[in-house]
N, C-alpha and C. Protein backbone atom coordinates (compact mmCIF):
# COMPACT_ATOMS: atom_id res chain seq x y z
N MET A 1 0.82 -1.19 0.00
CA MET A 1 0.00 0.00 0.00
C MET A 1 0.87 1.26 0.00
N VAL A 2 1.93 1.30 0.82
CA VAL A 2 2.82 2.46 0.88
C VAL A 2 3.51 2.67 -0.47
N PHE A 3 3.92 1.57 -1.11
CA PHE A 3 4.61 1.67 -2.39
C PHE A 3 3.69 2.23 -3.47
N GLN A 4 2.43 1.86 -3.42
CA GLN A 4 1.46 2.39 -4.39
C GLN A 4 1.21 3.88 -4.15
N TYR A 5 1.16 4.28 -2.89
CA TYR A 5 0.95 5.68 -2.54
C TYR A 5 2.03 6.56 -3.15
N HIS A 6 3.31 6.19 -2.97
CA HIS A 6 4.41 7.02 -3.48
C HIS A 6 4.47 6.99 -5.00
N ALA A 7 4.04 5.93 -5.62
CA ALA A 7 4.04 5.86 -7.09
C ALA A 7 3.05 6.85 -7.69
N LYS A 8 1.99 7.18 -6.97
CA LYS A 8 0.99 8.13 -7.48
C LYS A 8 1.58 9.49 -7.77
N PHE A 9 2.63 9.86 -7.05
CA PHE A 9 3.20 11.20 -7.16
C PHE A 9 4.40 11.27 -8.11
N ASN A 10 4.71 10.18 -8.78
CA ASN A 10 5.84 10.14 -9.70
C ASN A 10 5.35 9.61 -11.04
N LYS A 11 5.31 10.48 -12.04
CA LYS A 11 4.79 10.07 -13.34
C LYS A 11 5.67 9.04 -14.04
N ARG A 12 6.95 8.91 -13.62
CA ARG A 12 7.85 7.93 -14.23
C ARG A 12 7.77 6.57 -13.55
N ALA A 13 7.10 6.49 -12.41
CA ALA A 13 7.00 5.21 -11.70
C ALA A 13 5.87 4.38 -12.30
N GLY A 14 5.93 3.10 -12.07
CA GLY A 14 4.84 2.22 -12.48
C GLY A 14 3.74 2.27 -11.44
N GLU A 15 3.25 1.11 -11.07
CA GLU A 15 2.18 1.05 -10.08
C GLU A 15 2.69 1.17 -8.65
N GLN A 16 3.99 0.88 -8.45
CA GLN A 16 4.56 0.95 -7.11
C GLN A 16 5.94 1.60 -7.18
N GLN A 17 6.34 2.22 -6.08
CA GLN A 17 7.66 2.86 -6.00
C GLN A 17 8.27 2.53 -4.64
N LEU A 18 9.51 2.06 -4.65
CA LEU A 18 10.17 1.60 -3.43
C LEU A 18 10.67 2.74 -2.55
N TRP A 19 11.04 3.90 -3.12
CA TRP A 19 11.60 5.00 -2.34
C TRP A 19 10.81 6.27 -2.59
N THR A 20 10.93 7.22 -1.68
CA THR A 20 10.30 8.52 -1.85
C THR A 20 11.29 9.46 -2.51
N HIS A 21 10.79 10.55 -3.04
CA HIS A 21 11.64 11.54 -3.69
C HIS A 21 11.70 12.79 -2.82
N GLU A 22 12.30 12.65 -1.66
CA GLU A 22 12.37 13.76 -0.73
C GLU A 22 13.80 14.25 -0.54
N ASN A 23 14.69 13.89 -1.45
CA ASN A 23 16.06 14.37 -1.33
C ASN A 23 16.15 15.77 -1.93
N HIS A 24 17.12 16.52 -1.47
CA HIS A 24 17.30 17.90 -1.92
C HIS A 24 18.76 18.09 -2.33
N ALA A 25 18.96 18.50 -3.56
CA ALA A 25 20.32 18.72 -4.05
C ALA A 25 20.95 19.90 -3.30
N VAL A 26 22.19 19.73 -2.91
CA VAL A 26 22.91 20.77 -2.18
C VAL A 26 24.29 20.91 -2.83
N GLU A 27 24.68 22.15 -3.14
CA GLU A 27 26.01 22.38 -3.70
C GLU A 27 27.05 22.23 -2.60
N LEU A 28 28.03 21.39 -2.85
CA LEU A 28 29.10 21.17 -1.87
C LEU A 28 30.23 22.14 -2.18
N SER A 29 30.12 23.34 -1.66
CA SER A 29 31.03 24.41 -2.05
C SER A 29 32.19 24.65 -1.08
N THR A 30 32.11 24.07 0.12
CA THR A 30 33.20 24.26 1.08
C THR A 30 33.60 22.91 1.67
N ASN A 31 34.80 22.84 2.21
CA ASN A 31 35.25 21.61 2.86
C ASN A 31 34.37 21.27 4.05
N ASN A 32 33.94 22.28 4.78
CA ASN A 32 33.07 22.06 5.94
C ASN A 32 31.74 21.42 5.50
N MET A 33 31.18 21.91 4.41
CA MET A 33 29.92 21.35 3.93
C MET A 33 30.11 19.90 3.47
N ILE A 34 31.22 19.63 2.81
CA ILE A 34 31.52 18.25 2.37
C ILE A 34 31.64 17.34 3.59
N ASP A 35 32.38 17.78 4.61
CA ASP A 35 32.54 16.99 5.83
C ASP A 35 31.19 16.74 6.51
N THR A 36 30.36 17.76 6.57
CA THR A 36 29.04 17.64 7.21
C THR A 36 28.19 16.60 6.49
N ARG A 37 28.16 16.66 5.18
CA ARG A 37 27.35 15.70 4.40
C ARG A 37 27.92 14.29 4.49
N LEU A 38 29.23 14.17 4.47
CA LEU A 38 29.87 12.86 4.57
C LEU A 38 29.56 12.23 5.93
N ASN A 39 29.64 13.02 6.99
CA ASN A 39 29.30 12.51 8.33
C ASN A 39 27.84 12.12 8.41
N TYR A 40 26.97 12.89 7.78
CA TYR A 40 25.53 12.57 7.76
C TYR A 40 25.32 11.19 7.11
N ILE A 41 25.96 10.96 5.98
CA ILE A 41 25.83 9.68 5.27
C ILE A 41 26.40 8.54 6.12
N HIS A 42 27.55 8.77 6.71
CA HIS A 42 28.18 7.75 7.54
C HIS A 42 27.32 7.42 8.76
N ASP A 43 26.64 8.40 9.32
CA ASP A 43 25.84 8.20 10.54
C ASP A 43 24.51 7.50 10.28
N ASN A 44 24.05 7.45 9.04
CA ASN A 44 22.73 6.87 8.75
C ASN A 44 22.53 5.45 9.29
N PRO A 45 23.44 4.51 9.08
CA PRO A 45 23.21 3.16 9.62
C PRO A 45 23.12 3.12 11.14
N ALA A 46 23.88 3.96 11.82
CA ALA A 46 23.82 4.01 13.28
C ALA A 46 22.50 4.64 13.74
N ARG A 47 22.06 5.70 13.07
CA ARG A 47 20.78 6.33 13.42
C ARG A 47 19.62 5.37 13.19
N ALA A 48 19.74 4.52 12.17
CA ALA A 48 18.69 3.54 11.88
C ALA A 48 18.70 2.38 12.87
N GLY A 49 19.74 2.30 13.68
CA GLY A 49 19.84 1.23 14.66
C GLY A 49 20.41 -0.07 14.12
N TRP A 50 20.98 -0.02 12.94
CA TRP A 50 21.56 -1.23 12.33
C TRP A 50 22.90 -1.58 12.96
N VAL A 51 23.64 -0.56 13.39
CA VAL A 51 24.96 -0.76 14.00
C VAL A 51 25.11 0.20 15.17
N GLU A 52 26.10 -0.07 16.01
CA GLU A 52 26.36 0.80 17.16
C GLU A 52 27.09 2.07 16.73
N GLN A 53 28.13 1.91 15.90
CA GLN A 53 28.95 3.02 15.42
C GLN A 53 28.96 3.01 13.89
N PRO A 54 29.08 4.18 13.24
CA PRO A 54 29.08 4.23 11.77
C PRO A 54 30.10 3.30 11.13
N GLU A 55 31.29 3.18 11.72
CA GLU A 55 32.33 2.34 11.11
C GLU A 55 32.05 0.85 11.28
N ASP A 56 31.02 0.50 12.05
CA ASP A 56 30.64 -0.91 12.19
C ASP A 56 29.86 -1.42 10.98
N TYR A 57 29.33 -0.50 10.17
CA TYR A 57 28.55 -0.90 9.00
C TYR A 57 29.52 -1.34 7.89
N LEU A 58 29.43 -2.60 7.51
CA LEU A 58 30.39 -3.22 6.61
C LEU A 58 30.51 -2.52 5.26
N TYR A 59 29.42 -1.95 4.75
CA TYR A 59 29.41 -1.36 3.41
C TYR A 59 29.52 0.16 3.43
N SER A 60 30.18 0.70 4.44
CA SER A 60 30.31 2.14 4.57
C SER A 60 31.76 2.57 4.44
N SER A 61 31.97 3.71 3.81
CA SER A 61 33.32 4.27 3.74
C SER A 61 33.75 4.84 5.10
N ALA A 62 32.85 4.86 6.07
CA ALA A 62 33.24 5.28 7.42
C ALA A 62 34.37 4.39 7.94
N ARG A 63 34.39 3.15 7.49
CA ARG A 63 35.46 2.22 7.89
C ARG A 63 36.81 2.71 7.37
N ASN A 64 36.85 3.23 6.16
CA ASN A 64 38.08 3.76 5.59
C ASN A 64 38.60 4.94 6.42
N TYR A 65 37.69 5.84 6.79
CA TYR A 65 38.07 7.02 7.54
C TYR A 65 38.48 6.68 8.97
N ALA A 66 38.09 5.49 9.46
CA ALA A 66 38.49 5.03 10.79
C ALA A 66 39.72 4.12 10.70
N ASP A 67 40.35 4.09 9.52
CA ASP A 67 41.53 3.25 9.28
C ASP A 67 41.28 1.78 9.58
N MET A 68 40.10 1.31 9.18
CA MET A 68 39.73 -0.09 9.34
C MET A 68 39.70 -0.77 7.97
N GLU A 69 39.78 -2.09 7.96
CA GLU A 69 39.66 -2.84 6.71
C GLU A 69 38.26 -2.59 6.14
N SER A 70 38.19 -2.40 4.83
CA SER A 70 36.92 -2.05 4.20
C SER A 70 36.73 -2.78 2.88
N LEU A 71 35.48 -2.98 2.52
CA LEU A 71 35.15 -3.56 1.22
C LEU A 71 35.14 -2.50 0.13
N ILE A 72 35.14 -1.25 0.53
CA ILE A 72 35.01 -0.13 -0.40
C ILE A 72 36.35 0.57 -0.54
N GLU A 73 36.75 0.81 -1.78
CA GLU A 73 37.97 1.56 -2.05
C GLU A 73 37.59 3.01 -2.30
N ILE A 74 38.24 3.91 -1.59
CA ILE A 74 37.90 5.34 -1.74
C ILE A 74 39.16 6.17 -1.97
N ASP A 75 38.93 7.37 -2.46
CA ASP A 75 39.96 8.40 -2.49
C ASP A 75 39.56 9.40 -1.43
N ARG A 76 40.36 9.57 -0.40
CA ARG A 76 40.01 10.49 0.69
C ARG A 76 39.96 11.92 0.19
N ILE A 77 39.02 12.66 0.75
CA ILE A 77 38.86 14.08 0.39
C ILE A 77 39.38 14.96 1.49
């Protein structure tokens, strides 16, 4: 039912839509803004209650920034 509800508001969706379109584009114009957004992304699994700490999430680049072994290869910013 929820998937059908969100599909009603997206003309490109079929009968159902798995995600909502509530994201907002933000220009990353300063290092502080980049750091803030990166921390927000890293904190999502912990806020959702999936892990205790952001670097505990196996598929997160937070592990790279904590100097832990990671499945993801990144270029640090």
